Protein backbone atom coordinates (compact mmCIF):
# COMPACT_ATOMS: atom_id res chain seq x y z
CA SER A 1 125.50 -109.04 75.43
CA SER A 2 128.71 -110.77 76.54
CA ARG A 3 127.50 -110.41 80.14
CA VAL A 4 124.46 -112.52 79.27
CA VAL A 5 126.76 -115.12 77.73
CA ASP A 6 128.89 -115.13 80.90
CA ILE A 7 125.85 -115.60 83.14
CA GLN A 8 124.58 -118.36 80.86
CA SER A 9 127.96 -120.14 81.00
CA GLN A 10 128.13 -119.82 84.78
CA MET A 11 124.66 -121.30 85.14
CA SER A 12 125.48 -124.14 82.74
CA GLU A 13 128.61 -124.88 84.73
CA ARG A 14 126.68 -124.87 88.00
CA ALA A 15 123.89 -127.06 86.55
CA VAL A 16 126.40 -129.65 85.30
CA GLU A 17 128.15 -129.55 88.68
CA LEU A 18 124.82 -130.24 90.43
CA LEU A 19 124.31 -133.29 88.15
CA GLY A 20 127.21 -134.97 89.96
CA LEU A 21 128.23 -136.93 86.85
CA PRO A 22 130.69 -139.82 87.06
CA GLU A 23 134.18 -138.54 86.25
CA ASP A 24 135.50 -141.71 84.66
CA ARG A 25 133.38 -141.80 81.52
CA PRO A 26 131.68 -139.49 79.03
CA CYS A 27 127.93 -139.09 79.57
CA LEU A 28 125.05 -138.26 77.25
CA LEU A 29 123.05 -135.25 78.46
CA LEU A 30 119.79 -133.67 77.35
CA ASP A 31 119.73 -129.86 77.18
CA VAL A 32 116.13 -128.62 77.35
CA GLY A 33 115.71 -125.18 75.74
CA CYS A 34 119.26 -125.36 74.39
CA GLY A 35 118.92 -122.15 72.33
CA SER A 36 122.09 -121.37 70.41
CA GLY A 37 124.01 -124.11 72.24
CA LEU A 38 125.98 -122.12 74.83
CA SER A 39 125.40 -124.72 77.56
CA GLY A 40 126.26 -127.39 75.03
CA ASP A 41 129.68 -125.81 74.47
CA TYR A 42 130.38 -126.20 78.16
CA ILE A 43 129.13 -129.82 78.15
CA SER A 44 131.39 -130.58 75.15
CA ASP A 45 134.38 -128.91 76.82
CA GLU A 46 133.83 -131.20 79.80
CA GLY A 47 134.11 -134.20 77.47
CA HIS A 48 130.43 -135.19 77.48
CA TYR A 49 127.91 -135.56 74.63
CA TRP A 50 124.54 -133.86 74.36
CA ILE A 51 121.28 -133.55 72.50
CA GLY A 52 119.59 -130.15 72.60
CA MET A 53 115.85 -129.47 72.26
CA ASP A 54 114.41 -126.04 71.53
CA ILE A 55 111.11 -124.63 70.29
CA SER A 56 112.79 -121.82 68.32
CA PRO A 57 114.01 -122.57 64.77
CA ALA A 58 115.92 -119.25 64.75
CA MET A 59 117.93 -120.20 67.87
CA LEU A 60 118.70 -123.65 66.49
CA ASP A 61 119.87 -122.06 63.23
CA VAL A 62 122.37 -120.05 65.27
CA ALA A 63 123.51 -123.27 66.98
CA VAL A 64 124.04 -124.90 63.56
CA GLU A 65 125.99 -121.86 62.33
CA ARG A 66 128.15 -122.03 65.43
CA GLU A 67 128.92 -125.68 64.59
CA VAL A 68 128.02 -126.96 68.05
CA GLU A 69 128.93 -130.58 68.76
CA GLY A 70 125.53 -131.74 69.99
CA ASP A 71 122.58 -133.04 68.01
CA LEU A 72 119.65 -130.63 67.78
CA LEU A 73 115.93 -131.29 67.93
CA LEU A 74 113.20 -128.75 67.11
CA ALA A 75 110.38 -129.54 69.53
CA ASP A 76 107.99 -128.17 72.13
CA VAL A 77 108.85 -129.98 75.36
CA GLY A 78 105.28 -129.31 76.52
CA HIS A 79 104.34 -132.10 74.09
CA GLY A 80 106.83 -134.40 75.79
CA ILE A 81 110.29 -135.67 75.01
CA PRO A 82 110.27 -138.07 72.04
CA ILE A 83 113.34 -140.06 73.02
CA ARG A 84 113.69 -143.70 73.95
CA PRO A 85 113.62 -144.72 77.63
CA GLY A 86 116.71 -144.55 79.82
CA MET A 87 118.82 -142.92 77.15
CA PHE A 88 120.23 -139.95 79.10
CA ASP A 89 122.72 -139.85 81.97
CA GLY A 90 121.37 -136.45 82.96
CA CYS A 91 119.43 -133.39 81.85
CA ILE A 92 120.10 -129.71 82.25
CA SER A 93 117.97 -126.73 81.35
CA ILE A 94 118.89 -123.07 81.65
CA SER A 95 116.06 -120.51 82.05
CA ALA A 96 113.52 -122.45 79.99
CA VAL A 97 111.10 -124.50 82.10
CA GLN A 98 109.18 -121.50 83.47
CA TRP A 99 107.82 -120.91 79.93
CA LEU A 100 105.71 -124.05 80.32
CA CYS A 101 103.68 -122.11 82.92
CA ASN A 102 102.41 -119.74 80.23
CA ALA A 103 99.21 -120.50 78.35
CA ASP A 104 100.19 -119.05 74.96
CA LYS A 105 97.37 -120.77 73.14
CA LYS A 106 93.78 -121.55 74.14
CA SER A 107 94.67 -125.25 74.04
CA HIS A 108 97.56 -124.79 76.48
CA ASN A 109 96.97 -126.16 79.94
CA PRO A 110 100.12 -125.40 82.00
CA PRO A 111 99.78 -128.18 84.62
CA LYS A 112 99.13 -130.71 81.84
CA ARG A 113 102.08 -129.49 79.76
CA LEU A 114 104.38 -129.55 82.79
CA TYR A 115 103.24 -133.06 83.71
CA ARG A 116 103.75 -134.25 80.13
CA PHE A 117 107.24 -132.75 80.11
CA PHE A 118 108.26 -134.20 83.48
CA SER A 119 106.77 -137.66 82.94
CA THR A 120 108.48 -138.13 79.56
CA LEU A 121 111.72 -136.67 80.96
CA TYR A 122 111.56 -139.17 83.83
CA THR A 123 111.29 -142.01 81.31
CA ALA A 124 114.11 -140.68 79.10
CA LEU A 125 116.56 -140.57 82.03
CA ALA A 126 118.61 -143.54 83.24
CA GLN A 127 117.99 -144.90 86.75
CA GLY A 128 120.00 -143.02 89.35
CA SER A 129 120.52 -139.97 87.14
CA ARG A 130 119.50 -136.37 87.76
CA ALA A 131 117.89 -133.44 86.02
CA VAL A 132 118.97 -129.92 87.02
CA LEU A 133 116.67 -127.21 85.72
CA GLN A 134 117.62 -123.59 86.36
CA LEU A 135 114.56 -121.40 86.14
CA TYR A 136 113.25 -117.89 86.73
CA PRO A 137 109.92 -118.33 88.49
CA GLU A 138 107.54 -115.37 88.40
CA ASN A 139 106.23 -116.11 91.89
CA SER A 140 106.01 -118.80 94.54
CA GLU A 141 102.83 -120.27 92.97
CA GLN A 142 104.77 -120.99 89.80
CA LEU A 143 107.54 -122.65 91.79
CA GLU A 144 105.00 -124.81 93.60
CA LEU A 145 103.21 -125.72 90.36
CA ILE A 146 106.45 -126.77 88.66
CA THR A 147 107.75 -128.74 91.65
CA ALA A 148 104.39 -130.46 92.22
CA GLN A 149 104.20 -131.70 88.61
CA ALA A 150 107.80 -132.97 88.80
CA MET A 151 107.00 -134.96 91.96
CA ARG A 152 103.76 -136.26 90.43
CA ALA A 153 105.82 -137.61 87.52
CA GLY A 154 107.92 -139.68 89.94
CA PHE A 155 110.94 -137.48 90.63
CA THR A 156 112.32 -136.86 94.11
CA GLY A 157 114.48 -133.89 95.05
CA GLY A 158 113.68 -130.21 95.29
CA MET A 159 114.84 -126.66 94.85
CA VAL A 160 118.47 -125.66 95.39
CA VAL A 161 118.77 -121.88 95.79
CA ASP A 162 122.14 -120.23 95.24
CA TYR A 163 122.81 -116.88 96.94
CA PRO A 164 119.32 -116.67 98.49
CA ASN A 165 120.13 -113.38 100.24
CA SER A 166 121.16 -111.54 97.09
CA ALA A 167 118.52 -109.94 94.87
CA LYS A 168 120.85 -110.02 91.86
CA ALA A 169 122.72 -113.30 92.18
CA LYS A 170 119.87 -115.46 93.53
CA LYS A 171 119.36 -118.50 91.31
CA PHE A 172 116.85 -121.35 91.47
CA PHE A 173 117.87 -124.86 90.41
CA LEU A 174 115.24 -127.59 90.50
CA CYS A 175 117.37 -130.64 91.27
CA LEU A 176 115.53 -133.89 90.48
CA PHE A 177 116.53 -137.51 91.09
CA VAL A 178 115.40 -140.58 89.14
CA GLY A 179 114.82 -143.76 91.10
CA THR A 180 117.09 -142.90 94.01
CA SER A 181 116.51 -140.15 96.49
CA GLY A 182 119.92 -138.55 96.68
CA THR A 183 120.82 -135.86 99.18
CA LEU A 184 119.88 -132.45 97.86
CA PRO A 185 123.06 -130.44 97.20
CA LYS A 186 123.67 -127.28 99.24
CA GLY A 187 123.01 -123.91 97.65
CA LEU A 188 125.96 -121.56 97.20
CA GLY A 189 126.38 -118.39 99.23
CA ILE A 190 124.87 -119.78 102.42
CA GLU A 191 127.36 -119.07 105.17
CA CYS A 192 128.40 -122.28 106.90
CA ALA A 193 131.46 -121.78 109.06
CA GLY A 194 133.95 -124.62 109.29
CA GLU A 195 132.41 -126.62 106.46
CA GLU A 196 135.07 -125.73 103.93
CA GLU A 197 135.97 -128.85 102.00
CA THR A 198 139.63 -129.65 101.98
CA HIS A 199 140.90 -130.34 98.51
CA HIS A 200 143.60 -132.97 98.56
CA ALA A 201 146.27 -132.81 95.90
CA LYS A 202 145.75 -135.50 93.30
CA PHE A 203 148.83 -137.08 91.77
CA THR A 204 148.50 -138.20 88.18
CA ASN A 205 151.01 -138.90 85.49
CA GLU A 206 149.04 -136.82 83.00
CA ARG A 207 150.62 -133.95 81.18
CA THR A 208 149.30 -131.07 83.25
CA ARG A 209 151.20 -128.34 81.43
CA PHE A 210 148.13 -126.83 79.82
CA ARG A 211 145.63 -127.54 82.55
CA ASN A 212 143.88 -124.73 84.37
CA ALA A 213 142.72 -124.78 87.99
CA LYS A 214 139.67 -126.89 87.16
CA GLY A 215 141.78 -129.56 85.48
CA LYS A 216 140.57 -128.72 81.99
CA SER A 217 143.00 -127.91 79.22
CA VAL A 218 143.25 -124.17 78.64
CA LYS A 219 140.87 -123.22 75.86
CA LYS A 220 142.49 -123.09 72.39
CA SER A 221 145.76 -124.60 73.66
CA ARG A 222 147.27 -127.46 71.64
CA ASP A 223 146.05 -130.04 74.19
CA TRP A 224 142.54 -128.56 74.11
CA ILE A 225 142.45 -128.69 70.31
CA LEU A 226 143.74 -132.30 70.24
CA GLU A 227 141.13 -133.34 72.84
CA LYS A 228 138.38 -131.65 70.86
CA LYS A 229 139.49 -133.29 67.60
CA GLU A 230 139.65 -136.67 69.33
CA ARG A 231 136.07 -136.19 70.62
CA ARG A 232 134.85 -135.30 67.14
CA ARG A 233 136.53 -138.43 65.73
CA ARG A 234 134.75 -140.53 68.35
CA GLN A 235 131.51 -138.96 67.14
CA GLY A 236 132.36 -140.19 63.63
CA LYS A 237 132.95 -136.70 62.25
CA GLU A 238 135.61 -135.94 59.64
CA VAL A 239 138.57 -134.24 61.27
CA ARG A 240 141.91 -133.18 59.77
CA ALA A 241 144.90 -135.27 60.78
CA ASP A 242 147.02 -133.95 63.66
CA THR A 243 150.39 -132.54 62.59
CA LYS A 244 153.18 -130.64 64.29
CA TYR A 245 151.37 -127.47 63.19
CA THR A 246 148.14 -128.28 65.05
CA GLY A 247 147.41 -125.54 67.55
CA ARG A 248 150.52 -123.58 66.60
CA LYS A 249 150.18 -119.81 66.61
CA ARG A 250 150.94 -118.02 63.35
CA ARG A 251 153.55 -115.32 63.37
CA PRO A 252 152.08 -111.81 63.11
CA ARG A 253 153.51 -111.21 59.61
CA PHE A 254 150.82 -113.49 58.08
């Protein structure tokens, strides 16, 4: 299911992009329905920190086995987010929020659960931050129900739809703002002639040897490994000292 992993990574990337995070500092993000931590890997690679919540112990076990960098919380977000106010610089969620529309138990009341989720999420987010929730709605009623509860909880914003004319690639991102009504980002794949952004060359004195087109160090390169180790040290984790052998490839005869 590597295709599923690819789609998941693309959606994580797009969700983080829609958050519009500041580029000059690491942020703390909440990942709702984090599963085995695939989105978290992307967040970590971007140099940010995260806490993941999921209702499935089995998925979180996989995340632990994979040694993800985020902290993990087993919880049903329909009961709310038990985290102190203003703690997060942003929230992402990949294909999870639509599950709150299901009444799995007699006691489940979807509008109530959605409102509880959104109102506690609103409180957990810092002023001026965003939540970007990618979801697979079953129908337009579900979309309206979810959006209405988000607005009731105090969010502004709305739905960003990527590739709306494609049955396969169409993706819904609920893009929510806390305390400031930002401009809703444009969906991808909507033809706008002449609106191509011009990307100016940036001059920096950084070592750009191992940087790919997006400015990130190429995965598994020496720079990437050193950056990752540095992040783990900042998190207070035990990391082996860097030596001249760090990130060096072994010769095939090993």
